[in-house]
Amino acid sequence: MAATDPPRVRITSRKWDGGTHRDNEADLLDDDEYGRWLWMPDGTPVDGPGGVWLARAGLRLFPVGAPWWSAFFVPATPDRPQQLYVDITTQQS
């Protein structure tokens, strides 16, 4: 059985005034009891207010039942420590 690429999803976050904060794609890994898990490969283009930049690889969680936050886990590399970002958000209808 051949492996298939995971589906890609778009993640767009906005600032309080409606302006784009981040806009990028990620691989949908799975949905489980904790939420929706996404993988952003190293070098993924991210569009933001300062232009496009290439992100470090990381794992993103959008938790079930908590639409006001998401977490982005960035693994350690030889030159950088492990990082955790938590975005406080609201759901957009």
Protein backbone atom coordinates (compact mmCIF):
# COMPACT_ATOMS: atom_id res chain seq x y z
CA MET A 1 0.00 0.00 0.00
CA ALA A 2 1.50 3.35 -1.04
CA ALA A 3 1.77 6.18 1.44
CA THR A 4 -0.20 9.29 0.59
CA ASP A 5 0.55 12.88 1.45
CA PRO A 6 -1.58 14.28 4.27
CA PRO A 7 -4.24 16.82 3.29
CA ARG A 8 -3.12 20.46 3.36
CA VAL A 9 -5.12 23.06 5.27
CA ARG A 10 -4.82 26.84 5.32
CA ILE A 11 -4.33 28.64 8.63
CA THR A 12 -5.14 32.34 8.63
CA SER A 13 -4.91 34.33 11.84
CA ARG A 14 -5.93 37.94 12.10
CA LYS A 15 -5.20 40.82 14.45
CA TRP A 16 -7.92 42.62 16.41
CA ASP A 17 -8.40 45.10 13.55
CA GLY A 18 -8.98 42.34 10.96
CA GLY A 19 -5.52 42.62 9.38
CA THR A 20 -3.69 39.39 8.58
CA HIS A 21 -1.27 38.27 11.27
CA ARG A 22 -0.15 34.97 9.71
CA ASP A 23 -1.29 33.05 6.64
CA ASN A 24 0.19 29.66 5.75
CA GLU A 25 -0.59 26.06 4.92
CA ALA A 26 0.07 22.99 7.08
CA ASP A 27 -0.38 19.22 6.86
CA LEU A 28 -3.44 17.85 8.65
CA LEU A 29 -2.18 14.93 10.75
CA ASP A 30 -5.20 13.87 12.76
CA ASP A 31 -8.14 14.81 14.94
CA ASP A 32 -8.32 13.17 18.36
CA GLU A 33 -9.73 13.79 21.84
CA TYR A 34 -7.27 16.69 22.30
CA GLY A 35 -8.05 18.52 19.08
CA ARG A 36 -6.78 18.99 15.54
CA TRP A 37 -3.06 18.33 14.97
CA LEU A 38 -1.20 20.01 12.11
CA TRP A 39 2.43 19.75 10.98
CA MET A 40 4.24 22.68 9.37
CA PRO A 41 7.37 21.43 7.58
CA ASP A 42 10.64 23.35 7.83
CA GLY A 43 10.75 26.14 5.29
CA THR A 44 6.97 26.57 5.01
CA PRO A 45 6.23 30.05 3.58
CA VAL A 46 4.31 32.22 6.06
CA ASP A 47 2.77 35.49 4.89
CA GLY A 48 2.54 38.23 7.52
CA PRO A 49 2.53 42.00 7.83
CA GLY A 50 6.29 42.19 7.19
CA GLY A 51 6.14 40.02 4.08
CA VAL A 52 6.78 36.31 3.51
CA TRP A 53 9.25 34.37 5.66
CA LEU A 54 10.17 30.69 5.94
CA ALA A 55 9.12 29.05 9.20
CA ARG A 56 10.84 26.42 11.29
CA ALA A 57 9.15 23.04 11.44
CA GLY A 58 6.58 22.62 14.16
CA LEU A 59 3.48 20.88 15.44
CA ARG A 60 0.28 22.88 15.93
CA LEU A 61 -2.69 21.97 18.10
CA PHE A 62 -6.15 23.52 17.88
CA PRO A 63 -7.78 22.06 21.01
CA VAL A 64 -11.30 20.64 21.19
CA GLY A 65 -13.72 22.84 23.11
CA ALA A 66 -11.25 25.72 23.47
CA PRO A 67 -11.51 27.93 20.39
CA TRP A 68 -9.71 30.80 22.15
CA TRP A 69 -6.17 29.38 21.99
CA SER A 70 -3.84 27.21 19.95
CA ALA A 71 -0.34 25.91 20.64
CA PHE A 72 2.67 25.66 18.30
CA PHE A 73 5.49 23.34 19.39
CA VAL A 74 8.87 23.95 17.71
CA PRO A 75 11.39 21.11 18.20
CA ALA A 76 14.93 21.86 19.38
CA THR A 77 17.79 21.99 16.89
CA PRO A 78 21.53 22.06 17.62
CA ASP A 79 21.52 25.86 17.40
CA ARG A 80 18.10 26.68 18.96
CA PRO A 81 16.19 25.50 22.04
CA GLN A 82 12.75 23.92 21.92
CA GLN A 83 10.03 26.57 21.79
CA LEU A 84 6.34 26.74 22.57
CA TYR A 85 4.08 29.49 21.26
CA VAL A 86 0.52 29.90 22.49
CA ASP A 87 -1.81 32.10 20.47
CA ILE A 88 -4.85 33.51 22.23
CA THR A 89 -7.63 33.76 19.67
CA THR A 90 -11.32 34.04 19.02
CA GLN A 91 -13.34 32.05 16.55
CA GLN A 92 -14.39 33.79 13.38
CA SER A 93 -17.81 32.87 12.04
